[in-house]
Amino acid sequence: MLLAVGSKLKLAVNLYWPQSFSPSVPCSLETIMGRLALVHFEARPEHSYPAPLAVLSERERAVCLGILSGKKAEAIAADLGVAVTSVFTYRTRAYQKLGISSRGSLFAVCGR
């Protein structure tokens, strides 16, 4: 068993082979780890938004991106085709999920 611990993630890899399994090509630990890393990074989606916003719904994320781009609630509402009160609701939900309570905290969380 291989265990790697980072600041946010923990990775456990079971390197034991079942007795019934015999690979046709012998694999070294380096080969296995290389393939595992390749699969991880190829499967990782590329986003055009800051990573902390990945936990939000599409609307919550759109509102936060609007805030980060300097737009007022009225402009964000017009862009999304929703009422201004809906923008406030999405913002409140997003802030709760991100564990923040202000516009400044949103900028800080997103590294801007």
PDB file of N, CA and C in Angstrom:
ATOM      1  N   MET A   1       0.853  -1.166   0.000  1.00  0.00           N
ATOM      2  CA  MET A   1       0.000   0.000   0.000  1.00  0.00           C
ATOM      3  C   MET A   1       0.897   1.226   0.000  1.00  0.00           C
ATOM      4  N   LEU A   2       0.545   2.173  -0.853  1.00  0.00           N
ATOM      5  CA  LEU A   2       1.267   3.434  -0.945  1.00  0.00           C
ATOM      6  C   LEU A   2       0.325   4.524  -0.471  1.00  0.00           C
ATOM      7  N   LEU A   3       0.790   5.375   0.420  1.00  0.00           N
ATOM      8  CA  LEU A   3      -0.032   6.453   0.957  1.00  0.00           C
ATOM      9  C   LEU A   3       0.694   7.764   0.758  1.00  0.00           C
ATOM     10  N   ALA A   4      -0.008   8.731   0.153  1.00  0.00           N
ATOM     11  CA  ALA A   4       0.549  10.070  -0.026  1.00  0.00           C
ATOM     12  C   ALA A   4      -0.442  11.047   0.578  1.00  0.00           C
ATOM     13  N   VAL A   5       0.053  11.957   1.404  1.00  0.00           N
ATOM     14  CA  VAL A   5      -0.813  12.916   2.083  1.00  0.00           C
ATOM     15  C   VAL A   5      -0.363  14.325   1.728  1.00  0.00           C
ATOM     16  N   GLY A   6      -1.316  15.110   1.215  1.00  0.00           N
ATOM     17  CA  GLY A   6      -1.045  16.500   0.892  1.00  0.00           C
ATOM     18  C   GLY A   6      -1.805  17.409   1.836  1.00  0.00           C
ATOM     19  N   SER A   7      -1.795  18.688   1.563  1.00  0.00           N
ATOM     20  CA  SER A   7      -2.490  19.631   2.441  1.00  0.00           C
ATOM     21  C   SER A   7      -4.011  19.512   2.327  1.00  0.00           C
ATOM     22  N   LYS A   8      -4.509  19.077   1.170  1.00  0.00           N
ATOM     23  CA  LYS A   8      -5.954  18.970   0.976  1.00  0.00           C
ATOM     24  C   LYS A   8      -6.412  17.557   0.640  1.00  0.00           C
ATOM     25  N   LEU A   9      -5.531  16.739   0.095  1.00  0.00           N
ATOM     26  CA  LEU A   9      -5.930  15.412  -0.380  1.00  0.00           C
ATOM     27  C   LEU A   9      -5.081  14.318   0.234  1.00  0.00           C
ATOM     28  N   LYS A  10      -5.668  13.130   0.259  1.00  0.00           N
ATOM     29  CA  LYS A  10      -4.948  11.937   0.674  1.00  0.00           C
ATOM     30  C   LYS A  10      -5.137  10.899  -0.433  1.00  0.00           C
ATOM     31  N   LEU A  11      -4.064  10.208  -0.786  1.00  0.00           N
ATOM     32  CA  LEU A  11      -4.114   9.219  -1.849  1.00  0.00           C
ATOM     33  C   LEU A  11      -3.603   7.899  -1.300  1.00  0.00           C
ATOM     34  N   ALA A  12      -4.405   6.867  -1.430  1.00  0.00           N
ATOM     35  CA  ALA A  12      -3.986   5.528  -1.031  1.00  0.00           C
ATOM     36  C   ALA A  12      -4.058   4.645  -2.269  1.00  0.00           C
ATOM     37  N   VAL A  13      -2.967   3.966  -2.576  1.00  0.00           N
ATOM     38  CA  VAL A  13      -2.915   3.105  -3.747  1.00  0.00           C
ATOM     39  C   VAL A  13      -2.559   1.706  -3.279  1.00  0.00           C
ATOM     40  N   ASN A  14      -3.408   0.748  -3.603  1.00  0.00           N
ATOM     41  CA  ASN A  14      -3.172  -0.645  -3.263  1.00  0.00           C
ATOM     42  C   ASN A  14      -2.352  -1.264  -4.379  1.00  0.00           C
ATOM     43  N   LEU A  15      -1.139  -1.677  -4.084  1.00  0.00           N
ATOM     44  CA  LEU A  15      -0.243  -2.237  -5.098  1.00  0.00           C
ATOM     45  C   LEU A  15      -0.197  -3.765  -5.064  1.00  0.00           C
ATOM     46  N   TYR A  16      -1.119  -4.369  -4.347  1.00  0.00           N
ATOM     47  CA  TYR A  16      -1.139  -5.823  -4.266  1.00  0.00           C
ATOM     48  C   TYR A  16      -1.876  -6.399  -5.462  1.00  0.00           C
ATOM     49  N   TRP A  17      -1.307  -7.426  -6.060  1.00  0.00           N
ATOM     50  CA  TRP A  17      -1.932  -8.100  -7.190  1.00  0.00           C
ATOM     51  C   TRP A  17      -2.632  -9.355  -6.690  1.00  0.00           C
ATOM     52  N   PRO A  18      -3.811  -9.666  -7.193  1.00  0.00           N
ATOM     53  CA  PRO A  18      -4.439 -10.938  -6.832  1.00  0.00           C
ATOM     54  C   PRO A  18      -3.566 -12.085  -7.355  1.00  0.00           C
ATOM     55  N   GLN A  19      -3.568 -13.215  -6.660  1.00  0.00           N
ATOM     56  CA  GLN A  19      -2.742 -14.345  -7.097  1.00  0.00           C
ATOM     57  C   GLN A  19      -3.131 -14.823  -8.487  1.00  0.00           C
ATOM     58  N   SER A  20      -4.405 -14.668  -8.832  1.00  0.00           N
ATOM     59  CA  SER A  20      -4.869 -15.133 -10.142  1.00  0.00           C
ATOM     60  C   SER A  20      -4.437 -14.208 -11.273  1.00  0.00           C
ATOM     61  N   PHE A  21      -3.967 -12.994 -10.938  1.00  0.00           N
ATOM     62  CA  PHE A  21      -3.596 -12.027 -11.960  1.00  0.00           C
ATOM     63  C   PHE A  21      -2.120 -12.153 -12.284  1.00  0.00           C
ATOM     64  N   SER A  22      -1.836 -12.306 -13.555  1.00  0.00           N
ATOM     65  CA  SER A  22      -0.438 -12.288 -13.983  1.00  0.00           C
ATOM     66  C   SER A  22      -0.351 -11.434 -15.237  1.00  0.00           C
ATOM     67  N   PRO A  23       0.185 -10.223 -15.111  1.00  0.00           N
ATOM     68  CA  PRO A  23       0.242  -9.340 -16.275  1.00  0.00           C
ATOM     69  C   PRO A  23       1.131  -9.915 -17.364  1.00  0.00           C
ATOM     70  N   SER A  24       0.728  -9.707 -18.596  1.00  0.00           N
ATOM     71  CA  SER A  24       1.508 -10.214 -19.720  1.00  0.00           C
ATOM     72  C   SER A  24       2.826  -9.460 -19.853  1.00  0.00           C
ATOM     73  N   VAL A  25       2.831  -8.221 -19.398  1.00  0.00           N
ATOM     74  CA  VAL A  25       4.047  -7.416 -19.423  1.00  0.00           C
ATOM     75  C   VAL A  25       4.394  -7.070 -17.979  1.00  0.00           C
ATOM     76  N   PRO A  26       5.583  -7.421 -17.522  1.00  0.00           N
ATOM     77  CA  PRO A  26       5.927  -7.081 -16.139  1.00  0.00           C
ATOM     78  C   PRO A  26       5.915  -5.564 -15.937  1.00  0.00           C
ATOM     79  N   CYS A  27       5.352  -5.128 -14.826  1.00  0.00           N
ATOM     80  CA  CYS A  27       5.237  -3.697 -14.543  1.00  0.00           C
ATOM     81  C   CYS A  27       6.070  -3.344 -13.323  1.00  0.00           C
ATOM     82  N   SER A  28       6.831  -2.285 -13.455  1.00  0.00           N
ATOM     83  CA  SER A  28       7.585  -1.784 -12.323  1.00  0.00           C
ATOM     84  C   SER A  28       6.718  -0.778 -11.570  1.00  0.00           C
ATOM     85  N   LEU A  29       7.112  -0.466 -10.366  1.00  0.00           N
ATOM     86  CA  LEU A  29       6.389   0.521  -9.579  1.00  0.00           C
ATOM     87  C   LEU A  29       6.370   1.867 -10.302  1.00  0.00           C
ATOM     88  N   GLU A  30       7.469   2.221 -10.937  1.00  0.00           N
ATOM     89  CA  GLU A  30       7.529   3.490 -11.669  1.00  0.00           C
ATOM     90  C   GLU A  30       6.518   3.524 -12.811  1.00  0.00           C
ATOM     91  N   THR A  31       6.363   2.412 -13.509  1.00  0.00           N
ATOM     92  CA  THR A  31       5.406   2.336 -14.608  1.00  0.00           C
ATOM     93  C   THR A  31       3.986   2.485 -14.096  1.00  0.00           C
ATOM     94  N   ILE A  32       3.689   1.793 -13.014  1.00  0.00           N
ATOM     95  CA  ILE A  32       2.346   1.863 -12.438  1.00  0.00           C
ATOM     96  C   ILE A  32       2.036   3.280 -11.979  1.00  0.00           C
ATOM     97  N   MET A  33       2.970   3.895 -11.264  1.00  0.00           N
ATOM     98  CA  MET A  33       2.733   5.243 -10.761  1.00  0.00           C
ATOM     99  C   MET A  33       2.633   6.250 -11.912  1.00  0.00           C
ATOM    100  N   GLY A  34       3.427   6.057 -12.933  1.00  0.00           N
ATOM    101  CA  GLY A  34       3.361   6.932 -14.095  1.00  0.00           C
ATOM    102  C   GLY A  34       2.014   6.849 -14.784  1.00  0.00           C
ATOM    103  N   ARG A  35       1.512   5.632 -14.941  1.00  0.00           N
ATOM    104  CA  ARG A  35       0.199   5.449 -15.576  1.00  0.00           C
ATOM    105  C   ARG A  35      -0.900   6.053 -14.710  1.00  0.00           C
ATOM    106  N   LEU A  36      -0.792   5.862 -13.406  1.00  0.00           N
ATOM    107  CA  LEU A  36      -1.780   6.404 -12.486  1.00  0.00           C
ATOM    108  C   LEU A  36      -1.812   7.933 -12.552  1.00  0.00           C
ATOM    109  N   ALA A  37      -0.646   8.552 -12.577  1.00  0.00           N
ATOM    110  CA  ALA A  37      -0.567  10.014 -12.676  1.00  0.00           C
ATOM    111  C   ALA A  37      -1.132  10.486 -14.016  1.00  0.00           C
ATOM    112  N   LEU A  38      -0.824   9.782 -15.080  1.00  0.00           N
ATOM    113  CA  LEU A  38      -1.319  10.150 -16.400  1.00  0.00           C
ATOM    114  C   LEU A  38      -2.838  10.097 -16.453  1.00  0.00           C
ATOM    115  N   VAL A  39      -3.421   9.031 -15.925  1.00  0.00           N
ATOM    116  CA  VAL A  39      -4.875   8.896 -15.902  1.00  0.00           C
ATOM    117  C   VAL A  39      -5.489  10.033 -15.086  1.00  0.00           C
ATOM    118  N   HIS A  40      -4.879  10.351 -13.956  1.00  0.00           N
ATOM    119  CA  HIS A  40      -5.402  11.422 -13.110  1.00  0.00           C
ATOM    120  C   HIS A  40      -5.413  12.764 -13.838  1.00  0.00           C
ATOM    121  N   PHE A  41      -4.291  13.131 -14.430  1.00  0.00           N
ATOM    122  CA  PHE A  41      -4.201  14.448 -15.045  1.00  0.00           C
ATOM    123  C   PHE A  41      -4.945  14.535 -16.366  1.00  0.00           C
ATOM    124  N   GLU A  42      -5.083  13.421 -17.081  1.00  0.00           N
ATOM    125  CA  GLU A  42      -5.869  13.459 -18.315  1.00  0.00           C
ATOM    126  C   GLU A  42      -7.351  13.568 -18.010  1.00  0.00           C
ATOM    127  N   ALA A  43      -7.789  12.991 -16.902  1.00  0.00           N
ATOM    128  CA  ALA A  43      -9.207  13.014 -16.536  1.00  0.00           C
ATOM    129  C   ALA A  43      -9.593  14.316 -15.845  1.00  0.00           C
ATOM    130  N   ARG A  44      -8.623  15.100 -15.452  1.00  0.00           N
ATOM    131  CA  ARG A  44      -8.870  16.343 -14.721  1.00  0.00           C
ATOM    132  C   ARG A  44      -9.405  17.409 -15.672  1.00  0.00           C
ATOM    133  N   PRO A  45     -10.606  17.920 -15.412  1.00  0.00           N
ATOM    134  CA  PRO A  45     -11.157  18.931 -16.317  1.00  0.00           C
ATOM    135  C   PRO A  45     -10.435  20.270 -16.181  1.00  0.00           C
ATOM    136  N   GLU A  46     -10.316  20.940 -17.288  1.00  0.00           N
ATOM    137  CA  GLU A  46      -9.742  22.287 -17.293  1.00  0.00           C
ATOM    138  C   GLU A  46     -10.903  23.271 -17.152  1.00  0.00           C
ATOM    139  N   HIS A  47     -10.832  24.144 -16.162  1.00  0.00           N
ATOM    140  CA  HIS A  47     -11.883  25.122 -15.936  1.00  0.00           C
ATOM    141  C   HIS A  47     -11.351  26.515 -16.207  1.00  0.00           C
ATOM    142  N   SER A  48     -12.254  27.357 -16.623  1.00  0.00           N
ATOM    143  CA  SER A  48     -11.866  28.745 -16.854  1.00  0.00           C
ATOM    144  C   SER A  48     -12.222  29.605 -15.649  1.00  0.00           C
ATOM    145  N   TYR A  49     -12.507  28.959 -14.528  1.00  0.00           N
ATOM    146  CA  TYR A  49     -12.839  29.699 -13.315  1.00  0.00           C
ATOM    147  C   TYR A  49     -11.952  29.199 -12.170  1.00  0.00           C
ATOM    148  N   PRO A  50     -11.835  29.982 -11.103  1.00  0.00           N
ATOM    149  CA  PRO A  50     -10.990  29.580  -9.970  1.00  0.00           C
ATOM    150  C   PRO A  50     -11.471  28.267  -9.344  1.00  0.00           C
ATOM    151  N   ALA A  51     -10.546  27.430  -8.926  1.00  0.00           N
ATOM    152  CA  ALA A  51     -10.857  26.101  -8.381  1.00  0.00           C
ATOM    153  C   ALA A  51     -11.864  26.120  -7.232  1.00  0.00           C
ATOM    154  N   PRO A  52     -11.819  27.072  -6.286  1.00  0.00           N
ATOM    155  CA  PRO A  52     -12.798  27.039  -5.192  1.00  0.00           C
ATOM    156  C   PRO A  52     -14.249  27.106  -5.670  1.00  0.00           C
ATOM    157  N   LEU A  53     -14.476  27.661  -6.852  1.00  0.00           N
ATOM    158  CA  LEU A  53     -15.842  27.794  -7.360  1.00  0.00           C
ATOM    159  C   LEU A  53     -16.401  26.493  -7.922  1.00  0.00           C
ATOM    160  N   ALA A  54     -15.595  25.460  -7.987  1.00  0.00           N
ATOM    161  CA  ALA A  54     -16.040  24.173  -8.530  1.00  0.00           C
ATOM    162  C   ALA A  54     -17.142  23.540  -7.681  1.00  0.00           C
ATOM    163  N   VAL A  55     -17.235  23.884  -6.400  1.00  0.00           N
ATOM    164  CA  VAL A  55     -18.243  23.296  -5.515  1.00  0.00           C
ATOM    165  C   VAL A  55     -19.614  23.942  -5.685  1.00  0.00           C
ATOM    166  N   LEU A  56     -19.702  24.995  -6.455  1.00  0.00           N
ATOM    167  CA  LEU A  56     -20.944  25.745  -6.597  1.00  0.00           C
ATOM    168  C   LEU A  56     -21.788  25.239  -7.755  1.00  0.00           C
ATOM    169  N   SER A  57     -23.082  25.550  -7.706  1.00  0.00           N
ATOM    170  CA  SER A  57     -23.954  25.255  -8.845  1.00  0.00           C
ATOM    171  C   SER A  57     -23.583  26.217  -9.981  1.00  0.00           C
ATOM    172  N   GLU A  58     -24.099  25.947 -11.165  1.00  0.00           N
ATOM    173  CA  GLU A  58     -23.775  26.811 -12.314  1.00  0.00           C
ATOM    174  C   GLU A  58     -24.199  28.262 -12.068  1.00  0.00           C
ATOM    175  N   ARG A  59     -25.398  28.460 -11.523  1.00  0.00           N
ATOM    176  CA  ARG A  59     -25.886  29.820 -11.274  1.00  0.00           C
ATOM    177  C   ARG A  59     -25.074  30.508 -10.183  1.00  0.00           C
ATOM    178  N   GLU A  60     -24.779  29.790  -9.105  1.00  0.00           N
ATOM    179  CA  GLU A  60     -23.967  30.368  -8.030  1.00  0.00           C
ATOM    180  C   GLU A  60     -22.593  30.777  -8.562  1.00  0.00           C
ATOM    181  N   ARG A  61     -22.022  29.896  -9.384  1.00  0.00           N
ATOM    182  CA  ARG A  61     -20.710  30.186  -9.979  1.00  0.00           C
ATOM    183  C   ARG A  61     -20.794  31.399 -10.894  1.00  0.00           C
ATOM    184  N   ALA A  62     -21.848  31.477 -11.699  1.00  0.00           N
ATOM    185  CA  ALA A  62     -22.002  32.608 -12.621  1.00  0.00           C
ATOM    186  C   ALA A  62     -22.118  33.919 -11.856  1.00  0.00           C
ATOM    187  N   VAL A  63     -22.841  33.898 -10.747  1.00  0.00           N
ATOM    188  CA  VAL A  63     -22.964  35.107  -9.925  1.00  0.00           C
ATOM    189  C   VAL A  63     -21.607  35.484  -9.350  1.00  0.00           C
ATOM    190  N   CYS A  64     -20.878  34.514  -8.818  1.00  0.00           N
ATOM    191  CA  CYS A  64     -19.550  34.810  -8.250  1.00  0.00           C
ATOM    192  C   CYS A  64     -18.589  35.319  -9.318  1.00  0.00           C
ATOM    193  N   LEU A  65     -18.638  34.741 -10.503  1.00  0.00           N
ATOM    194  CA  LEU A  65     -17.778  35.227 -11.586  1.00  0.00           C
ATOM    195  C   LEU A  65     -18.149  36.656 -11.980  1.00  0.00           C
ATOM    196  N   GLY A  66     -19.444  36.955 -11.939  1.00  0.00           N
ATOM    197  CA  GLY A  66     -19.879  38.321 -12.203  1.00  0.00           C
ATOM    198  C   GLY A  66     -19.335  39.283 -11.163  1.00  0.00           C
ATOM    199  N   ILE A  67     -19.399  38.869  -9.905  1.00  0.00           N
ATOM    200  CA  ILE A  67     -18.865  39.701  -8.823  1.00  0.00           C
ATOM    201  C   ILE A  67     -17.363  39.894  -9.007  1.00  0.00           C
ATOM    202  N   LEU A  68     -16.657  38.809  -9.319  1.00  0.00           N
ATOM    203  CA  LEU A  68     -15.210  38.887  -9.504  1.00  0.00           C
ATOM    204  C   LEU A  68     -14.821  39.769 -10.694  1.00  0.00           C
ATOM    205  N   SER A  69     -15.715  39.886 -11.670  1.00  0.00           N
ATOM    206  CA  SER A  69     -15.412  40.736 -12.825  1.00  0.00           C
ATOM    207  C   SER A  69     -15.841  42.185 -12.589  1.00  0.00           C
ATOM    208  N   GLY A  70     -16.354  42.474 -11.375  1.00  0.00           N
ATOM    209  CA  GLY A  70     -16.686  43.846 -11.019  1.00  0.00           C
ATOM    210  C   GLY A  70     -18.098  44.289 -11.352  1.00  0.00           C
ATOM    211  N   LYS A  71     -18.955  43.359 -11.715  1.00  0.00           N
ATOM    212  CA  LYS A  71     -20.323  43.727 -12.081  1.00  0.00           C
ATOM    213  C   LYS A  71     -21.199  43.914 -10.851  1.00  0.00           C
ATOM    214  N   LYS A  72     -22.179  44.777 -10.975  1.00  0.00           N
ATOM    215  CA  LYS A  72     -23.192  44.989  -9.944  1.00  0.00           C
ATOM    216  C   LYS A  72     -24.272  43.923 -10.100  1.00  0.00           C
ATOM    217  N   ALA A  73     -25.086  43.759  -9.064  1.00  0.00           N
ATOM    218  CA  ALA A  73     -26.135  42.741  -9.061  1.00  0.00           C
ATOM    219  C   ALA A  73     -27.096  42.911 -10.240  1.00  0.00           C
ATOM    220  N   GLU A  74     -27.407  44.144 -10.578  1.00  0.00           N
ATOM    221  CA  GLU A  74     -28.337  44.398 -11.683  1.00  0.00           C
ATOM    222  C   GLU A  74     -27.773  43.898 -13.014  1.00  0.00           C
ATOM    223  N   ALA A  75     -26.492  44.116 -13.236  1.00  0.00           N
ATOM    224  CA  ALA A  75     -25.854  43.665 -14.479  1.00  0.00           C
ATOM    225  C   ALA A  75     -25.764  42.138 -14.525  1.00  0.00           C
ATOM    226  N   ILE A  76     -25.463  41.532 -13.390  1.00  0.00           N
ATOM    227  CA  ILE A  76     -25.396  40.066 -13.328  1.00  0.00           C
ATOM    228  C   ILE A  76     -26.775  39.482 -13.604  1.00  0.00           C
ATOM    229  N   ALA A  77     -27.807  40.084 -13.008  1.00  0.00           N
ATOM    230  CA  ALA A  77     -29.182  39.624 -13.227  1.00  0.00           C
ATOM    231  C   ALA A  77     -29.548  39.711 -14.709  1.00  0.00           C
ATOM    232  N   ALA A  78     -29.188  40.797 -15.350  1.00  0.00           N
ATOM    233  CA  ALA A  78     -29.487  40.975 -16.777  1.00  0.00           C
ATOM    234  C   ALA A  78     -28.751  39.924 -17.611  1.00  0.00           C
ATOM    235  N   ASP A  79     -27.483  39.665 -17.281  1.00  0.00           N
ATOM    236  CA  ASP A  79     -26.702  38.652 -18.014  1.00  0.00           C
ATOM    237  C   ASP A  79     -27.327  37.269 -17.901  1.00  0.00           C
ATOM    238  N   LEU A  80     -27.827  36.943 -16.695  1.00  0.00           N
ATOM    239  CA  LEU A  80     -28.379  35.604 -16.459  1.00  0.00           C
ATOM    240  C   LEU A  80     -29.864  35.505 -16.786  1.00  0.00           C
ATOM    241  N   GLY A  81     -30.504  36.647 -16.988  1.00  0.00           N
ATOM    242  CA  GLY A  81     -31.942  36.647 -17.278  1.00  0.00           C
ATOM    243  C   GLY A  81     -32.772  36.279 -16.068  1.00  0.00           C
ATOM    244  N   VAL A  82     -32.345  36.727 -14.895  1.00  0.00           N
ATOM    245  CA  VAL A  82     -33.064  36.456 -13.654  1.00  0.00           C
ATOM    246  C   VAL A  82     -33.310  37.766 -12.918  1.00  0.00           C
ATOM    247  N   ALA A  83     -34.116  37.700 -11.876  1.00  0.00           N
ATOM    248  CA  ALA A  83     -34.381  38.886 -11.056  1.00  0.00           C
ATOM    249  C   ALA A  83     -33.168  39.191 -10.178  1.00  0.00           C
ATOM    250  N   VAL A  84     -33.043  40.435  -9.796  1.00  0.00           N
ATOM    251  CA  VAL A  84     -31.951  40.856  -8.918  1.00  0.00           C
ATOM    252  C   VAL A  84     -32.016  40.090  -7.598  1.00  0.00           C
ATOM    253  N   THR A  85     -33.222  39.831  -7.105  1.00  0.00           N
ATOM    254  CA  THR A  85     -33.360  39.072  -5.849  1.00  0.00           C
ATOM    255  C   THR A  85     -32.806  37.659  -5.992  1.00  0.00           C
ATOM    256  N   SER A  86     -32.906  37.087  -7.188  1.00  0.00           N
ATOM    257  CA  SER A  86     -32.326  35.760  -7.424  1.00  0.00           C
ATOM    258  C   SER A  86     -30.810  35.816  -7.345  1.00  0.00           C
ATOM    259  N   VAL A  87     -30.226  36.891  -7.833  1.00  0.00           N
ATOM    260  CA  VAL A  87     -28.773  37.070  -7.738  1.00  0.00           C
ATOM    261  C   VAL A  87     -28.362  37.098  -6.273  1.00  0.00           C
ATOM    262  N   PHE A  88     -29.126  37.808  -5.441  1.00  0.00           N
ATOM    263  CA  PHE A  88     -28.822  37.859  -4.008  1.00  0.00           C
ATOM    264  C   PHE A  88     -28.918  36.468  -3.377  1.00  0.00           C
ATOM    265  N   THR A  89     -29.923  35.704  -3.792  1.00  0.00           N
ATOM    266  CA  THR A  89     -30.090  34.341  -3.264  1.00  0.00           C
ATOM    267  C   THR A  89     -28.924  33.453  -3.670  1.00  0.00           C
ATOM    268  N   TYR A  90     -28.548  33.483  -4.953  1.00  0.00           N
ATOM    269  CA  TYR A  90     -27.417  32.672  -5.427  1.00  0.00           C
ATOM    270  C   TYR A  90     -26.118  33.087  -4.732  1.00  0.00           C
ATOM    271  N   ARG A  91     -25.947  34.389  -4.527  1.00  0.00           N
ATOM    272  CA  ARG A  91     -24.747  34.879  -3.851  1.00  0.00           C
ATOM    273  C   ARG A  91     -24.696  34.371  -2.409  1.00  0.00           C
ATOM    274  N   THR A  92     -25.820  34.445  -1.715  1.00  0.00           N
ATOM    275  CA  THR A  92     -25.883  33.977  -0.321  1.00  0.00           C
ATOM    276  C   THR A  92     -25.548  32.495  -0.233  1.00  0.00           C
ATOM    277  N   ARG A  93     -26.137  31.705  -1.112  1.00  0.00           N
ATOM    278  CA  ARG A  93     -25.866  30.258  -1.119  1.00  0.00           C
ATOM    279  C   ARG A  93     -24.402  29.969  -1.428  1.00  0.00           C
ATOM    280  N   ALA A  94     -23.860  30.681  -2.392  1.00  0.00           N
ATOM    281  CA  ALA A  94     -22.455  30.492  -2.769  1.00  0.00           C
ATOM    282  C   ALA A  94     -21.536  30.840  -1.602  1.00  0.00           C
ATOM    283  N   TYR A  95     -21.788  31.955  -0.963  1.00  0.00           N
ATOM    284  CA  TYR A  95     -20.964  32.375   0.172  1.00  0.00           C
ATOM    285  C   TYR A  95     -21.032  31.341   1.292  1.00  0.00           C
ATOM    286  N   GLN A  96     -22.221  30.780   1.530  1.00  0.00           N
ATOM    287  CA  GLN A  96     -22.360  29.749   2.569  1.00  0.00           C
ATOM    288  C   GLN A  96     -21.517  28.527   2.221  1.00  0.00           C
ATOM    289  N   LYS A  97     -21.592  28.088   0.976  1.00  0.00           N
ATOM    290  CA  LYS A  97     -20.820  26.911   0.551  1.00  0.00           C
ATOM    291  C   LYS A  97     -19.317  27.161   0.637  1.00  0.00           C
ATOM    292  N   LEU A  98     -18.899  28.388   0.351  1.00  0.00           N
ATOM    293  CA  LEU A  98     -17.478  28.732   0.378  1.00  0.00           C
ATOM    294  C   LEU A  98     -16.991  29.101   1.780  1.00  0.00           C
ATOM    295  N   GLY A  99     -17.938  29.240   2.723  1.00  0.00           N
ATOM    296  CA  GLY A  99     -17.576  29.587   4.092  1.00  0.00           C
ATOM    297  C   GLY A  99     -17.101  31.022   4.242  1.00  0.00           C
ATOM    298  N   ILE A 100     -17.683  31.909   3.440  1.00  0.00           N
ATOM    299  CA  ILE A 100     -17.295  33.327   3.480  1.00  0.00           C
ATOM    300  C   ILE A 100     -18.531  34.183   3.697  1.00  0.00           C
ATOM    301  N   SER A 101     -18.319  35.485   3.921  1.00  0.00           N
ATOM    302  CA  SER A 101     -19.466  36.359   4.163  1.00  0.00           C
ATOM    303  C   SER A 101     -19.366  37.709   3.468  1.00  0.00           C
ATOM    304  N   SER A 102     -18.354  37.875   2.633  1.00  0.00           N
ATOM    305  CA  SER A 102     -18.216  39.185   1.982  1.00  0.00           C
ATOM    306  C   SER A 102     -17.600  39.074   0.604  1.00  0.00           C
ATOM    307  N   ARG A 103     -17.774  40.138  -0.144  1.00  0.00           N
ATOM    308  CA  ARG A 103     -17.200  40.263  -1.481  1.00  0.00           C
ATOM    309  C   ARG A 103     -15.661  40.179  -1.409  1.00  0.00           C
ATOM    310  N   GLY A 104     -15.086  40.851  -0.438  1.00  0.00           N
ATOM    311  CA  GLY A 104     -13.632  40.829  -0.257  1.00  0.00           C
ATOM    312  C   GLY A 104     -13.124  39.416   0.011  1.00  0.00           C
ATOM    313  N   SER A 105     -13.877  38.659   0.797  1.00  0.00           N
ATOM    314  CA  SER A 105     -13.491  37.268   1.075  1.00  0.00           C
ATOM    315  C   SER A 105     -13.549  36.426  -0.198  1.00  0.00           C
ATOM    316  N   LEU A 106     -14.509  36.721  -1.073  1.00  0.00           N
ATOM    317  CA  LEU A 106     -14.604  35.996  -2.341  1.00  0.00           C
ATOM    318  C   LEU A 106     -13.334  36.230  -3.173  1.00  0.00           C
ATOM    319  N   PHE A 107     -12.896  37.478  -3.219  1.00  0.00           N
ATOM    320  CA  PHE A 107     -11.672  37.799  -3.950  1.00  0.00           C
ATOM    321  C   PHE A 107     -10.478  37.078  -3.330  1.00  0.00           C
ATOM    322  N   ALA A 108     -10.435  37.025  -2.010  1.00  0.00           N
ATOM    323  CA  ALA A 108      -9.320  36.366  -1.311  1.00  0.00           C
ATOM    324  C   ALA A 108      -9.319  34.862  -1.563  1.00  0.00           C
ATOM    325  N   VAL A 109     -10.495  34.238  -1.490  1.00  0.00           N
ATOM    326  CA  VAL A 109     -10.603  32.787  -1.703  1.00  0.00           C
ATOM    327  C   VAL A 109     -10.193  32.419  -3.123  1.00  0.00           C
ATOM    328  N   CYS A 110     -10.539  33.279  -4.055  1.00  0.00           N
ATOM    329  CA  CYS A 110     -10.242  32.990  -5.467  1.00  0.00           C
ATOM    330  C   CYS A 110      -8.866  33.492  -5.892  1.00  0.00           C
ATOM    331  N   GLY A 111      -8.118  34.035  -4.966  1.00  0.00           N
ATOM    332  CA  GLY A 111      -6.747  34.457  -5.256  1.00  0.00           C
ATOM    333  C   GLY A 111      -6.640  35.655  -6.163  1.00  0.00           C
ATOM    334  N   ARG A 112      -7.584  36.565  -6.036  1.00  0.00           N
ATOM    335  CA  ARG A 112      -7.550  37.771  -6.887  1.00  0.00           C
ATOM    336  C   ARG A 112      -7.343  39.006  -6.068  1.00  0.00           C
TER     337      ARG A 112
END
